[in-house]
């Protein structure tokens, strides 16, 4: 699932992003769930395992965000290239004022 070399031109995502946060929380919760299923105190037992699984989730989330940013950048590039090659399909529409769009108001009493 490695990214191509053109993805290296993109700026790196922030360390704190939604995918990292969610997957880090899921990793931490999975360690606590494992403790609860093994009838250990969920918060106090296996703190090293909780930190490890949260770190793994954070790492995976960071790389998922990198892949997501590359995918959206590639789609934007392709869309802009299509618009540049086919300007007849994307001509500017004639601008209307708001008064031309709205029907005249006639109150009924």
N, C-alpha and C. Protein backbone atom coordinates (compact mmCIF):
# COMPACT_ATOMS: atom_id res chain seq x y z
N UNK A 1 0.83 -1.18 0.00
CA UNK A 1 0.00 0.00 0.00
C UNK A 1 0.88 1.25 0.00
N UNK A 2 2.11 1.10 -0.40
CA UNK A 2 3.01 2.25 -0.40
C UNK A 2 2.55 3.34 -1.36
N UNK A 3 2.85 4.55 -1.00
CA UNK A 3 2.47 5.68 -1.83
C UNK A 3 3.51 5.90 -2.92
N UNK A 4 3.08 6.39 -4.10
CA UNK A 4 4.06 6.68 -5.15
C UNK A 4 4.93 7.88 -4.79
N UNK A 5 5.98 8.09 -5.58
CA UNK A 5 6.92 9.18 -5.30
C UNK A 5 6.28 10.56 -5.40
N UNK A 6 5.23 10.71 -6.23
CA UNK A 6 4.60 12.03 -6.35
C UNK A 6 3.87 12.42 -5.07
N UNK A 7 3.58 11.47 -4.19
CA UNK A 7 2.93 11.78 -2.92
C UNK A 7 3.90 12.48 -1.96
N UNK A 8 5.20 12.36 -2.22
CA UNK A 8 6.18 12.99 -1.34
C UNK A 8 6.19 14.50 -1.49
N UNK A 9 5.60 15.02 -2.56
CA UNK A 9 5.53 16.46 -2.77
C UNK A 9 4.47 17.11 -1.88
N UNK A 10 3.54 16.32 -1.37
CA UNK A 10 2.49 16.86 -0.50
C UNK A 10 3.06 17.15 0.89
N UNK A 11 2.51 18.16 1.56
CA UNK A 11 2.96 18.40 2.93
C UNK A 11 2.48 17.27 3.85
N UNK A 12 3.25 16.94 4.86
CA UNK A 12 2.82 15.87 5.76
C UNK A 12 1.61 16.31 6.58
N UNK A 13 0.75 15.36 6.91
CA UNK A 13 -0.40 15.73 7.75
C UNK A 13 0.07 16.06 9.17
N UNK A 14 -0.79 16.74 9.90
CA UNK A 14 -0.46 17.06 11.27
C UNK A 14 -0.41 15.81 12.14
N UNK A 15 0.34 15.88 13.21
CA UNK A 15 0.45 14.73 14.12
C UNK A 15 -0.92 14.43 14.74
N UNK A 16 -1.67 15.46 15.04
CA UNK A 16 -3.00 15.28 15.60
C UNK A 16 -4.00 15.46 14.46
N UNK A 17 -4.59 14.36 14.03
CA UNK A 17 -5.62 14.39 13.00
C UNK A 17 -6.72 13.41 13.40
N UNK A 18 -7.85 13.50 12.71
CA UNK A 18 -9.01 12.72 13.15
C UNK A 18 -8.77 11.22 13.06
N UNK A 19 -8.08 10.75 12.03
CA UNK A 19 -7.85 9.31 11.91
C UNK A 19 -6.93 8.80 13.02
N UNK A 20 -5.89 9.56 13.34
CA UNK A 20 -4.98 9.14 14.40
C UNK A 20 -5.69 9.12 15.75
N UNK A 21 -6.50 10.14 16.00
CA UNK A 21 -7.20 10.19 17.29
C UNK A 21 -8.17 9.01 17.41
N UNK A 22 -8.98 8.81 16.36
CA UNK A 22 -9.95 7.71 16.44
C UNK A 22 -9.28 6.35 16.58
N UNK A 23 -8.28 6.07 15.76
CA UNK A 23 -7.65 4.76 15.83
C UNK A 23 -6.83 4.60 17.11
N UNK A 24 -6.26 5.69 17.64
CA UNK A 24 -5.58 5.61 18.94
C UNK A 24 -6.56 5.28 20.06
N UNK A 25 -7.73 5.91 20.04
CA UNK A 25 -8.76 5.61 21.05
C UNK A 25 -9.25 4.18 20.91
N UNK A 26 -9.42 3.72 19.67
CA UNK A 26 -9.86 2.34 19.45
C UNK A 26 -8.82 1.36 19.97
N UNK A 27 -7.53 1.63 19.75
CA UNK A 27 -6.47 0.77 20.27
C UNK A 27 -6.49 0.73 21.79
N UNK A 28 -6.65 1.91 22.42
CA UNK A 28 -6.69 1.96 23.88
C UNK A 28 -7.91 1.21 24.42
N UNK A 29 -9.07 1.42 23.79
CA UNK A 29 -10.29 0.73 24.24
C UNK A 29 -10.20 -0.77 24.04
N UNK A 30 -9.52 -1.21 22.98
CA UNK A 30 -9.39 -2.65 22.79
C UNK A 30 -8.53 -3.28 23.88
N UNK A 31 -7.51 -2.57 24.36
CA UNK A 31 -6.70 -3.09 25.47
C UNK A 31 -7.54 -3.14 26.74
N UNK A 32 -8.37 -2.11 26.96
CA UNK A 32 -9.23 -2.12 28.16
C UNK A 32 -10.29 -3.21 28.06
N UNK A 33 -10.82 -3.44 26.87
CA UNK A 33 -11.81 -4.51 26.68
C UNK A 33 -11.18 -5.87 26.93
N UNK A 34 -9.95 -6.03 26.47
CA UNK A 34 -9.25 -7.29 26.73
C UNK A 34 -9.05 -7.50 28.23
N UNK A 35 -8.70 -6.44 28.94
CA UNK A 35 -8.56 -6.55 30.40
C UNK A 35 -9.89 -6.94 31.05
N UNK A 36 -10.97 -6.30 30.61
CA UNK A 36 -12.28 -6.59 31.20
C UNK A 36 -12.71 -8.03 30.91
N UNK A 37 -12.44 -8.50 29.70
CA UNK A 37 -12.83 -9.88 29.36
C UNK A 37 -12.01 -10.90 30.14
N UNK A 38 -10.79 -10.55 30.51
CA UNK A 38 -9.94 -11.45 31.31
C UNK A 38 -10.12 -11.23 32.81
N UNK A 39 -11.14 -10.46 33.18
CA UNK A 39 -11.49 -10.18 34.57
C UNK A 39 -10.34 -9.54 35.35
N UNK A 40 -9.68 -8.58 34.70
CA UNK A 40 -8.66 -7.77 35.34
C UNK A 40 -9.21 -6.36 35.48
N UNK A 41 -8.66 -5.54 36.37
CA UNK A 41 -9.12 -4.15 36.44
C UNK A 41 -8.80 -3.45 35.13
N UNK A 42 -9.82 -2.96 34.42
CA UNK A 42 -9.57 -2.44 33.06
C UNK A 42 -8.60 -1.27 33.00
N UNK A 43 -8.67 -0.32 33.92
CA UNK A 43 -7.82 0.87 33.83
C UNK A 43 -6.42 0.66 34.40
N UNK A 44 -6.28 -0.20 35.38
CA UNK A 44 -5.01 -0.31 36.10
C UNK A 44 -4.12 -1.44 35.60
N UNK A 45 -4.68 -2.40 34.93
CA UNK A 45 -3.91 -3.57 34.53
C UNK A 45 -3.39 -3.40 33.11
N UNK A 46 -2.15 -3.77 32.89
CA UNK A 46 -1.58 -3.76 31.54
C UNK A 46 -1.49 -2.37 30.93
N UNK A 47 -1.00 -1.41 31.70
CA UNK A 47 -0.89 -0.04 31.20
C UNK A 47 0.08 0.02 30.01
N UNK A 48 1.13 -0.81 30.04
CA UNK A 48 2.07 -0.83 28.93
C UNK A 48 1.38 -1.31 27.65
N UNK A 49 0.46 -2.27 27.77
CA UNK A 49 -0.27 -2.76 26.60
C UNK A 49 -1.25 -1.70 26.09
N UNK A 50 -1.85 -0.96 27.02
CA UNK A 50 -2.74 0.14 26.61
C UNK A 50 -1.97 1.18 25.82
N UNK A 51 -0.78 1.56 26.31
CA UNK A 51 0.04 2.55 25.61
C UNK A 51 0.50 2.03 24.25
N UNK A 52 0.86 0.75 24.19
CA UNK A 52 1.32 0.16 22.94
C UNK A 52 0.21 0.15 21.89
N UNK A 53 -0.97 -0.32 22.26
CA UNK A 53 -2.07 -0.39 21.30
C UNK A 53 -2.55 1.00 20.88
N UNK A 54 -2.53 1.96 21.80
CA UNK A 54 -2.89 3.33 21.43
C UNK A 54 -1.86 3.90 20.46
N UNK A 55 -0.58 3.62 20.68
CA UNK A 55 0.47 4.11 19.78
C UNK A 55 0.37 3.48 18.40
N UNK A 56 0.08 2.19 18.36
CA UNK A 56 -0.08 1.51 17.07
C UNK A 56 -1.27 2.09 16.31
N UNK A 57 -2.37 2.32 17.01
CA UNK A 57 -3.54 2.93 16.36
C UNK A 57 -3.23 4.32 15.84
N UNK A 58 -2.48 5.10 16.63
CA UNK A 58 -2.10 6.47 16.22
C UNK A 58 -1.24 6.41 14.96
N UNK A 59 -0.28 5.49 14.93
CA UNK A 59 0.62 5.34 13.78
C UNK A 59 -0.16 4.95 12.52
N UNK A 60 -1.05 3.99 12.65
CA UNK A 60 -1.86 3.57 11.50
C UNK A 60 -2.75 4.71 11.03
N UNK A 61 -3.33 5.46 11.95
CA UNK A 61 -4.18 6.59 11.59
C UNK A 61 -3.41 7.66 10.84
N UNK A 62 -2.17 7.90 11.24
CA UNK A 62 -1.33 8.90 10.55
C UNK A 62 -1.10 8.49 9.10
N UNK A 63 -0.79 7.22 8.88
CA UNK A 63 -0.53 6.77 7.52
C UNK A 63 -1.81 6.67 6.69
N UNK A 64 -2.92 6.38 7.31
CA UNK A 64 -4.21 6.42 6.60
C UNK A 64 -4.49 7.86 6.15
N UNK A 65 -4.19 8.84 6.98
CA UNK A 65 -4.39 10.24 6.62
C UNK A 65 -3.48 10.64 5.47
N UNK A 66 -2.23 10.16 5.47
CA UNK A 66 -1.33 10.45 4.35
C UNK A 66 -1.91 9.90 3.05
N UNK A 67 -2.41 8.68 3.08
CA UNK A 67 -2.98 8.07 1.89
C UNK A 67 -4.24 8.81 1.45
N UNK A 68 -5.07 9.22 2.41
CA UNK A 68 -6.29 9.97 2.11
C UNK A 68 -5.95 11.32 1.46
N UNK A 69 -4.96 12.03 1.98
CA UNK A 69 -4.55 13.31 1.40
C UNK A 69 -4.04 13.13 -0.02
N UNK A 70 -3.26 12.08 -0.27
CA UNK A 70 -2.76 11.83 -1.62
C UNK A 70 -3.91 11.52 -2.57
N UNK A 71 -4.87 10.71 -2.13
CA UNK A 71 -5.99 10.35 -2.99
C UNK A 71 -6.80 11.58 -3.38
N UNK A 72 -7.11 12.44 -2.41
CA UNK A 72 -7.89 13.64 -2.71
C UNK A 72 -7.10 14.62 -3.58
N UNK A 73 -5.79 14.72 -3.38
CA UNK A 73 -4.96 15.60 -4.21
C UNK A 73 -4.93 15.09 -5.65
N UNK A 74 -4.84 13.78 -5.81
CA UNK A 74 -4.83 13.19 -7.16
C UNK A 74 -6.18 13.42 -7.86
N UNK A 75 -7.28 13.24 -7.14
CA UNK A 75 -8.59 13.48 -7.73
C UNK A 75 -8.78 14.94 -8.10
N UNK A 76 -8.32 15.85 -7.25
CA UNK A 76 -8.40 17.29 -7.57
C UNK A 76 -7.57 17.62 -8.80
N UNK A 77 -6.37 17.05 -8.89
CA UNK A 77 -5.51 17.30 -10.05
C UNK A 77 -6.17 16.80 -11.33
N UNK A 78 -6.74 15.61 -11.29
CA UNK A 78 -7.40 15.06 -12.48
C UNK A 78 -8.62 15.89 -12.87
N UNK A 79 -9.39 16.33 -11.90
CA UNK A 79 -10.58 17.14 -12.18
C UNK A 79 -10.18 18.48 -12.79
N UNK A 80 -9.17 19.14 -12.24
CA UNK A 80 -8.72 20.42 -12.79
C UNK A 80 -8.14 20.27 -14.19
N UNK A 81 -7.47 19.17 -14.44
CA UNK A 81 -6.93 18.92 -15.78
C UNK A 81 -8.07 18.71 -16.78
N UNK A 82 -9.11 18.00 -16.38
CA UNK A 82 -10.27 17.80 -17.26
C UNK A 82 -10.95 19.13 -17.56
N UNK A 83 -11.10 19.96 -16.55
CA UNK A 83 -11.72 21.27 -16.75
C UNK A 83 -10.86 22.12 -17.69
N UNK A 84 -9.55 22.03 -17.56
CA UNK A 84 -8.66 22.79 -18.43
C UNK A 84 -8.75 22.31 -19.88
N UNK A 85 -8.90 21.00 -20.09
CA UNK A 85 -8.94 20.45 -21.45
C UNK A 85 -10.32 20.60 -22.11
N UNK A 86 -11.38 20.76 -21.33
CA UNK A 86 -12.74 20.86 -21.86
C UNK A 86 -13.43 22.12 -21.35
N UNK A 87 -12.96 23.30 -21.76
CA UNK A 87 -13.56 24.53 -21.24
C UNK A 87 -14.98 24.76 -21.75
N UNK A 88 -15.35 24.15 -22.87
CA UNK A 88 -16.70 24.35 -23.40
C UNK A 88 -17.77 23.75 -22.49
N UNK A 89 -17.42 22.75 -21.73
CA UNK A 89 -18.39 22.15 -20.80
C UNK A 89 -18.55 22.95 -19.51
N UNK A 90 -17.66 23.91 -19.28
CA UNK A 90 -17.66 24.66 -18.03
C UNK A 90 -17.66 26.16 -18.29
N UNK A 91 -18.49 26.59 -19.23
CA UNK A 91 -18.55 28.02 -19.54
C UNK A 91 -19.24 28.76 -18.40
N UNK A 92 -18.88 30.05 -18.26
CA UNK A 92 -19.48 30.87 -17.22
C UNK A 92 -20.93 31.16 -17.55
N UNK A 93 -21.80 31.04 -16.58
CA UNK A 93 -23.21 31.35 -16.77
C UNK A 93 -23.42 32.84 -16.65
N UNK A 94 -24.48 33.30 -17.30
CA UNK A 94 -24.78 34.73 -17.21
C UNK A 94 -25.27 35.04 -15.80
N UNK A 95 -24.74 36.08 -15.23
CA UNK A 95 -25.06 36.44 -13.85
C UNK A 95 -26.37 37.20 -13.81
N UNK A 96 -27.24 36.81 -12.86
CA UNK A 96 -28.52 37.48 -12.67
C UNK A 96 -28.53 38.11 -11.29
N UNK A 97 -29.28 39.17 -11.18
CA UNK A 97 -29.44 39.78 -9.86
C UNK A 97 -30.52 39.02 -9.10
N UNK A 98 -30.58 39.24 -7.82
CA UNK A 98 -31.57 38.55 -6.99
C UNK A 98 -32.98 38.97 -7.40
N UNK A 99 -33.16 40.21 -7.80
CA UNK A 99 -34.48 40.69 -8.22
C UNK A 99 -34.95 40.00 -9.48
N UNK A 100 -34.06 39.57 -10.35
CA UNK A 100 -34.45 38.87 -11.57
C UNK A 100 -34.86 37.43 -11.29
N UNK A 101 -34.37 36.86 -10.20
CA UNK A 101 -34.67 35.47 -9.87
C UNK A 101 -36.00 35.36 -9.13
N UNK A 102 -36.26 36.27 -8.18
CA UNK A 102 -37.44 36.20 -7.32
C UNK A 102 -38.66 36.75 -8.07
N UNK A 103 -39.76 36.05 -7.91
CA UNK A 103 -41.01 36.52 -8.52
C UNK A 103 -41.51 37.75 -7.78
N UNK A 104 -42.25 38.64 -8.46
CA UNK A 104 -42.77 39.82 -7.78
C UNK A 104 -43.78 39.43 -6.69
N UNK A 105 -43.76 40.16 -5.60
CA UNK A 105 -44.64 39.88 -4.46
C UNK A 105 -45.86 40.78 -4.50
N UNK A 106 -47.05 40.15 -4.49
CA UNK A 106 -48.32 40.89 -4.49
C UNK A 106 -49.11 40.41 -3.26
N UNK A 107 -49.16 41.20 -2.22
CA UNK A 107 -49.90 40.77 -1.01
C UNK A 107 -51.40 40.71 -1.27
N UNK A 108 -52.02 39.70 -0.70
CA UNK A 108 -53.48 39.54 -0.82
C UNK A 108 -54.09 39.87 0.52
N UNK A 109 -55.03 40.86 0.53
CA UNK A 109 -55.66 41.26 1.79
C UNK A 109 -57.09 40.92 1.82
